[in-house]
Amino acid sequence: QVQLVESGGGSVQAGGSLRLSCAASGYRVGTLCMGWFRQAPGKEREGVASIRPGGTATAYAASVRGRFSISLDTAKNTVYLQMNNLKPEDTAMYYCVAGEPSTCRPDVSTSQFKYWGRGTQVTVS
């Protein structure tokens, strides 16, 4: 049973930084593709970042490229999303996701991810 638990969300002023964490259980983070999605009230779900099995490659949405960074810590079985230079439009619920290697893609599309966490709220003012 794959379980994903996000943490690290909160409120921050524009220009600030946050680091989201996703603690995984039931599998090793290096064996699946991982990612982060977000959804703001009244808006569609948006893929933010993804990382291939073993951390071999990453992909980002154009809206966050150069500001956000996704990484793995296999020793802690945790995935991170470092968010810098945050903007009010980054306000959303952020979800950690994971997918089987056979479905991994070099982008942030939804279809590759089977497992979802419950989310952590990020508010930028």
N, C-alpha and C. Protein backbone atom coordinates (compact mmCIF):
# COMPACT_ATOMS: atom_id res chain seq x y z
N GLN A 1 0.84 -1.18 0.00
CA GLN A 1 0.00 0.00 0.00
C GLN A 1 0.89 1.24 0.00
N VAL A 2 0.77 2.04 -1.06
CA VAL A 2 1.56 3.27 -1.15
C VAL A 2 0.83 4.38 -0.41
N GLN A 3 1.54 5.05 0.47
CA GLN A 3 0.99 6.19 1.18
C GLN A 3 1.93 7.37 1.06
N LEU A 4 1.33 8.54 0.85
CA LEU A 4 2.09 9.78 0.69
C LEU A 4 1.55 10.80 1.66
N VAL A 5 2.41 11.41 2.46
CA VAL A 5 1.98 12.39 3.45
C VAL A 5 2.79 13.67 3.26
N GLU A 6 2.08 14.74 2.90
CA GLU A 6 2.73 16.01 2.66
C GLU A 6 2.84 16.83 3.95
N SER A 7 3.84 17.71 3.97
CA SER A 7 3.99 18.66 5.06
C SER A 7 4.79 19.85 4.56
N GLY A 8 4.83 20.91 5.35
CA GLY A 8 5.65 22.05 5.01
C GLY A 8 4.91 23.24 4.44
N GLY A 9 3.61 23.07 4.23
CA GLY A 9 2.84 24.19 3.73
C GLY A 9 2.68 25.27 4.78
N GLY A 10 2.16 26.42 4.36
CA GLY A 10 1.96 27.51 5.30
C GLY A 10 1.70 28.80 4.58
N SER A 11 1.78 29.89 5.31
CA SER A 11 1.57 31.22 4.76
C SER A 11 2.89 31.96 4.68
N VAL A 12 3.12 32.62 3.56
CA VAL A 12 4.37 33.33 3.35
C VAL A 12 4.09 34.57 2.51
N GLN A 13 4.93 35.56 2.65
CA GLN A 13 4.79 36.76 1.84
C GLN A 13 5.41 36.54 0.46
N ALA A 14 4.92 37.28 -0.49
CA ALA A 14 5.46 37.22 -1.85
C ALA A 14 6.97 37.45 -1.82
N GLY A 15 7.67 36.64 -2.60
CA GLY A 15 9.13 36.70 -2.61
C GLY A 15 9.78 35.72 -1.66
N GLY A 16 8.99 35.15 -0.77
CA GLY A 16 9.53 34.21 0.21
C GLY A 16 9.69 32.81 -0.33
N SER A 17 10.09 31.91 0.57
CA SER A 17 10.35 30.52 0.17
C SER A 17 9.68 29.55 1.13
N LEU A 18 9.37 28.38 0.62
CA LEU A 18 8.87 27.26 1.42
C LEU A 18 9.45 25.98 0.84
N ARG A 19 9.60 24.97 1.70
CA ARG A 19 9.99 23.65 1.22
C ARG A 19 8.93 22.65 1.66
N LEU A 20 8.29 22.05 0.68
CA LEU A 20 7.32 21.00 0.95
C LEU A 20 8.02 19.65 1.01
N SER A 21 7.54 18.81 1.89
CA SER A 21 8.06 17.44 2.01
C SER A 21 6.95 16.45 1.78
N CYS A 22 7.31 15.31 1.25
CA CYS A 22 6.36 14.21 1.01
C CYS A 22 7.01 12.93 1.52
N ALA A 23 6.54 12.47 2.67
CA ALA A 23 7.05 11.22 3.25
C ALA A 23 6.28 10.05 2.66
N ALA A 24 7.02 9.10 2.10
CA ALA A 24 6.40 7.97 1.44
C ALA A 24 6.54 6.70 2.28
N SER A 25 5.55 5.84 2.17
CA SER A 25 5.62 4.52 2.80
C SER A 25 5.01 3.50 1.86
N GLY A 26 5.44 2.26 2.01
CA GLY A 26 4.92 1.20 1.16
C GLY A 26 5.75 0.97 -0.09
N TYR A 27 6.74 1.84 -0.34
CA TYR A 27 7.61 1.68 -1.49
C TYR A 27 8.82 2.60 -1.30
N ARG A 28 9.82 2.43 -2.15
CA ARG A 28 10.99 3.29 -2.11
C ARG A 28 10.83 4.41 -3.14
N VAL A 29 11.08 5.65 -2.73
CA VAL A 29 10.82 6.78 -3.61
C VAL A 29 11.65 6.72 -4.88
N GLY A 30 12.79 6.06 -4.85
CA GLY A 30 13.62 5.99 -6.03
C GLY A 30 13.13 5.04 -7.10
N THR A 31 12.09 4.27 -6.79
CA THR A 31 11.61 3.26 -7.73
C THR A 31 10.41 3.72 -8.54
N LEU A 32 9.78 4.81 -8.16
CA LEU A 32 8.61 5.32 -8.87
C LEU A 32 8.89 6.73 -9.38
N CYS A 33 8.09 7.17 -10.35
CA CYS A 33 8.15 8.59 -10.70
C CYS A 33 7.31 9.34 -9.68
N MET A 34 7.79 10.49 -9.31
CA MET A 34 7.15 11.29 -8.27
C MET A 34 6.85 12.68 -8.81
N GLY A 35 5.95 13.37 -8.14
CA GLY A 35 5.65 14.71 -8.60
C GLY A 35 4.85 15.50 -7.60
N TRP A 36 4.59 16.75 -7.98
CA TRP A 36 3.74 17.64 -7.20
C TRP A 36 2.72 18.28 -8.12
N PHE A 37 1.49 18.31 -7.66
CA PHE A 37 0.41 19.00 -8.34
C PHE A 37 -0.15 20.06 -7.40
N ARG A 38 -0.90 20.99 -7.94
CA ARG A 38 -1.57 21.98 -7.11
C ARG A 38 -2.93 22.30 -7.68
N GLN A 39 -3.79 22.75 -6.81
CA GLN A 39 -5.12 23.17 -7.23
C GLN A 39 -5.58 24.32 -6.36
N ALA A 40 -5.92 25.41 -7.02
CA ALA A 40 -6.45 26.58 -6.34
C ALA A 40 -7.97 26.57 -6.45
N PRO A 41 -8.66 27.20 -5.53
CA PRO A 41 -10.13 27.24 -5.58
C PRO A 41 -10.62 27.79 -6.91
N GLY A 42 -11.52 27.06 -7.55
CA GLY A 42 -12.10 27.51 -8.79
C GLY A 42 -11.22 27.32 -10.00
N LYS A 43 -10.07 26.69 -9.82
CA LYS A 43 -9.15 26.48 -10.94
C LYS A 43 -8.91 24.99 -11.16
N GLU A 44 -8.43 24.66 -12.36
CA GLU A 44 -8.12 23.28 -12.66
C GLU A 44 -6.83 22.85 -11.96
N ARG A 45 -6.75 21.56 -11.76
CA ARG A 45 -5.53 20.98 -11.19
C ARG A 45 -4.37 21.19 -12.16
N GLU A 46 -3.22 21.51 -11.64
CA GLU A 46 -2.05 21.83 -12.45
C GLU A 46 -0.84 21.02 -12.00
N GLY A 47 -0.20 20.37 -12.95
CA GLY A 47 1.06 19.68 -12.64
C GLY A 47 2.15 20.71 -12.45
N VAL A 48 2.92 20.58 -11.39
CA VAL A 48 3.95 21.55 -11.05
C VAL A 48 5.34 21.03 -11.37
N ALA A 49 5.64 19.83 -10.91
CA ALA A 49 6.99 19.28 -11.10
C ALA A 49 6.93 17.76 -11.05
N SER A 50 7.87 17.13 -11.70
CA SER A 50 7.97 15.67 -11.66
C SER A 50 9.44 15.26 -11.68
N ILE A 51 9.69 14.04 -11.20
CA ILE A 51 11.04 13.51 -11.19
C ILE A 51 10.97 12.03 -11.54
N ARG A 52 11.85 11.60 -12.42
CA ARG A 52 11.84 10.21 -12.88
C ARG A 52 12.40 9.28 -11.81
N PRO A 53 12.15 7.98 -11.94
CA PRO A 53 12.69 7.02 -10.98
C PRO A 53 14.20 7.18 -10.82
N GLY A 54 14.63 7.21 -9.58
CA GLY A 54 16.05 7.40 -9.30
C GLY A 54 16.51 8.83 -9.43
N GLY A 55 15.60 9.73 -9.72
CA GLY A 55 15.97 11.15 -9.83
C GLY A 55 16.78 11.47 -11.07
N THR A 56 16.61 10.69 -12.11
CA THR A 56 17.42 10.85 -13.31
C THR A 56 17.07 12.07 -14.13
N ALA A 57 15.85 12.55 -14.02
CA ALA A 57 15.44 13.72 -14.80
C ALA A 57 14.26 14.37 -14.12
N THR A 58 14.11 15.65 -14.37
CA THR A 58 13.00 16.41 -13.79
C THR A 58 12.28 17.19 -14.88
N ALA A 59 11.06 17.58 -14.56
CA ALA A 59 10.26 18.41 -15.47
C ALA A 59 9.46 19.39 -14.63
N TYR A 60 9.19 20.57 -15.20
CA TYR A 60 8.49 21.61 -14.47
C TYR A 60 7.46 22.28 -15.37
N ALA A 61 6.41 22.77 -14.74
CA ALA A 61 5.48 23.62 -15.45
C ALA A 61 6.16 24.94 -15.75
N ALA A 62 5.79 25.55 -16.86
CA ALA A 62 6.42 26.80 -17.26
C ALA A 62 6.24 27.88 -16.21
N SER A 63 5.14 27.82 -15.48
CA SER A 63 4.83 28.86 -14.50
C SER A 63 5.76 28.83 -13.28
N VAL A 64 6.46 27.71 -13.06
CA VAL A 64 7.32 27.60 -11.88
C VAL A 64 8.78 27.35 -12.23
N ARG A 65 9.06 27.13 -13.50
CA ARG A 65 10.43 26.82 -13.91
C ARG A 65 11.38 27.94 -13.51
N GLY A 66 12.49 27.55 -12.89
CA GLY A 66 13.46 28.53 -12.42
C GLY A 66 13.21 29.00 -11.00
N ARG A 67 12.03 28.71 -10.44
CA ARG A 67 11.71 29.09 -9.07
C ARG A 67 11.54 27.87 -8.16
N PHE A 68 11.02 26.78 -8.69
CA PHE A 68 10.76 25.56 -7.92
C PHE A 68 11.77 24.50 -8.29
N SER A 69 12.06 23.61 -7.32
CA SER A 69 12.97 22.51 -7.57
C SER A 69 12.50 21.26 -6.84
N ILE A 70 12.41 20.14 -7.56
CA ILE A 70 12.00 18.88 -6.96
C ILE A 70 13.22 18.00 -6.75
N SER A 71 13.23 17.27 -5.64
CA SER A 71 14.37 16.40 -5.35
C SER A 71 13.94 15.21 -4.50
N LEU A 72 14.81 14.20 -4.48
CA LEU A 72 14.58 12.99 -3.70
C LEU A 72 15.63 12.86 -2.61
N ASP A 73 15.22 12.31 -1.48
CA ASP A 73 16.17 11.87 -0.46
C ASP A 73 15.84 10.41 -0.19
N THR A 74 16.59 9.51 -0.83
CA THR A 74 16.26 8.09 -0.71
C THR A 74 16.50 7.57 0.70
N ALA A 75 17.45 8.16 1.42
CA ALA A 75 17.71 7.72 2.79
C ALA A 75 16.52 8.00 3.70
N LYS A 76 15.83 9.10 3.46
CA LYS A 76 14.66 9.47 4.25
C LYS A 76 13.36 9.06 3.56
N ASN A 77 13.48 8.48 2.36
CA ASN A 77 12.30 8.09 1.58
C ASN A 77 11.31 9.25 1.45
N THR A 78 11.85 10.38 1.08
CA THR A 78 11.08 11.62 1.04
C THR A 78 11.35 12.37 -0.25
N VAL A 79 10.32 13.02 -0.76
CA VAL A 79 10.43 13.89 -1.92
C VAL A 79 10.19 15.32 -1.46
N TYR A 80 10.94 16.25 -2.02
CA TYR A 80 10.84 17.64 -1.63
C TYR A 80 10.45 18.51 -2.81
N LEU A 81 9.82 19.63 -2.50
CA LEU A 81 9.59 20.68 -3.49
C LEU A 81 10.05 21.98 -2.85
N GLN A 82 11.20 22.47 -3.31
CA GLN A 82 11.72 23.75 -2.85
C GLN A 82 11.08 24.85 -3.69
N MET A 83 10.42 25.79 -3.05
CA MET A 83 9.72 26.85 -3.75
C MET A 83 10.31 28.19 -3.34
N ASN A 84 10.91 28.87 -4.30
CA ASN A 84 11.52 30.17 -4.06
C ASN A 84 10.80 31.26 -4.83
N ASN A 85 11.00 32.49 -4.41
CA ASN A 85 10.39 33.65 -5.07
C ASN A 85 8.89 33.41 -5.28
N LEU A 86 8.22 33.04 -4.22
CA LEU A 86 6.80 32.71 -4.31
C LEU A 86 5.97 33.92 -4.68
N LYS A 87 4.91 33.65 -5.44
CA LYS A 87 4.01 34.69 -5.92
C LYS A 87 2.60 34.40 -5.42
N PRO A 88 1.74 35.40 -5.33
CA PRO A 88 0.35 35.15 -4.90
C PRO A 88 -0.34 34.09 -5.75
N GLU A 89 -0.01 34.01 -7.02
CA GLU A 89 -0.65 33.02 -7.89
C GLU A 89 -0.18 31.59 -7.62
N ASP A 90 0.80 31.43 -6.74
CA ASP A 90 1.22 30.09 -6.32
C ASP A 90 0.33 29.55 -5.19
N THR A 91 -0.57 30.38 -4.69
CA THR A 91 -1.48 29.95 -3.63
C THR A 91 -2.35 28.81 -4.11
N ALA A 92 -2.31 27.69 -3.38
CA ALA A 92 -3.07 26.51 -3.79
C ALA A 92 -2.86 25.40 -2.76
N MET A 93 -3.64 24.34 -2.90
CA MET A 93 -3.37 23.10 -2.18
C MET A 93 -2.38 22.31 -3.03
N TYR A 94 -1.30 21.86 -2.41
CA TYR A 94 -0.26 21.13 -3.12
C TYR A 94 -0.32 19.66 -2.74
N TYR A 95 -0.30 18.81 -3.78
CA TYR A 95 -0.43 17.37 -3.59
C TYR A 95 0.82 16.66 -4.08
N CYS A 96 1.28 15.70 -3.30
CA CYS A 96 2.36 14.82 -3.71
C CYS A 96 1.76 13.64 -4.46
N VAL A 97 2.41 13.23 -5.54
CA VAL A 97 1.90 12.12 -6.36
C VAL A 97 3.03 11.16 -6.71
N ALA A 98 2.63 9.92 -7.03
CA ALA A 98 3.61 8.90 -7.42
C ALA A 98 3.00 8.00 -8.49
N GLY A 99 3.86 7.47 -9.35
CA GLY A 99 3.37 6.62 -10.42
C GLY A 99 4.30 5.45 -10.68
N GLU A 100 3.74 4.39 -11.25
CA GLU A 100 4.51 3.20 -11.59
C GLU A 100 5.49 3.51 -12.72
N PRO A 101 6.66 2.87 -12.71
CA PRO A 101 7.68 3.15 -13.74
C PRO A 101 7.16 3.01 -15.17
N SER A 102 6.25 2.08 -15.39
CA SER A 102 5.75 1.84 -16.75
C SER A 102 4.93 3.00 -17.29
N THR A 103 4.46 3.87 -16.41
CA THR A 103 3.62 4.99 -16.84
C THR A 103 4.35 6.33 -16.78
N CYS A 104 5.60 6.33 -16.33
CA CYS A 104 6.32 7.60 -16.17
C CYS A 104 6.53 8.30 -17.51
N ARG A 105 6.39 9.63 -17.48
CA ARG A 105 6.61 10.45 -18.65
C ARG A 105 7.51 11.62 -18.28
N PRO A 106 8.25 12.17 -19.28
CA PRO A 106 9.17 13.29 -19.00
C PRO A 106 8.44 14.64 -19.00
N ASP A 107 7.29 14.68 -18.30
CA ASP A 107 6.55 15.93 -18.25
C ASP A 107 5.76 15.94 -16.95
N VAL A 108 4.78 16.84 -16.81
CA VAL A 108 4.00 16.93 -15.57
C VAL A 108 2.55 16.53 -15.81
N SER A 109 2.33 15.67 -16.76
CA SER A 109 0.96 15.23 -17.06
C SER A 109 0.40 14.37 -15.93
N THR A 110 -0.92 14.44 -15.78
CA THR A 110 -1.60 13.75 -14.70
C THR A 110 -1.62 12.24 -14.87
N SER A 111 -1.72 11.79 -16.10
CA SER A 111 -2.00 10.38 -16.37
C SER A 111 -0.95 9.41 -15.83
N GLN A 112 0.26 9.89 -15.60
CA GLN A 112 1.33 9.00 -15.16
C GLN A 112 1.27 8.70 -13.67
N PHE A 113 0.45 9.42 -12.92
CA PHE A 113 0.45 9.30 -11.46
C PHE A 113 -0.79 8.58 -10.96
N LYS A 114 -0.54 7.55 -10.17
CA LYS A 114 -1.62 6.71 -9.65
C LYS A 114 -1.92 6.99 -8.19
N TYR A 115 -0.90 7.40 -7.44
CA TYR A 115 -1.04 7.57 -6.00
C TYR A 115 -0.98 9.06 -5.64
N TRP A 116 -1.87 9.46 -4.74
CA TRP A 116 -1.99 10.86 -4.35
C TRP A 116 -2.01 11.00 -2.85
N GLY A 117 -1.35 12.07 -2.36
CA GLY A 117 -1.46 12.41 -0.96
C GLY A 117 -2.68 13.26 -0.72
N ARG A 118 -2.87 13.72 0.51
CA ARG A 118 -4.04 14.51 0.86
C ARG A 118 -3.82 16.00 0.72
N GLY A 119 -2.61 16.42 0.54
CA GLY A 119 -2.33 17.80 0.26
C GLY A 119 -1.89 18.63 1.44
N THR A 120 -1.21 19.74 1.12
CA THR A 120 -0.81 20.72 2.12
C THR A 120 -1.03 22.10 1.51
N GLN A 121 -1.58 23.01 2.30
CA GLN A 121 -1.98 24.32 1.79
C GLN A 121 -0.80 25.29 1.78
N VAL A 122 -0.67 26.00 0.67
CA VAL A 122 0.33 27.07 0.54
C VAL A 122 -0.42 28.36 0.22
N THR A 123 -0.17 29.39 1.02
CA THR A 123 -0.82 30.67 0.82
C THR A 123 0.25 31.76 0.73
N VAL A 124 0.22 32.50 -0.37
CA VAL A 124 1.20 33.56 -0.60
C VAL A 124 0.45 34.89 -0.69
N SER A 125 0.85 35.84 0.13
CA SER A 125 0.16 37.13 0.14
C SER A 125 1.11 38.28 -0.17
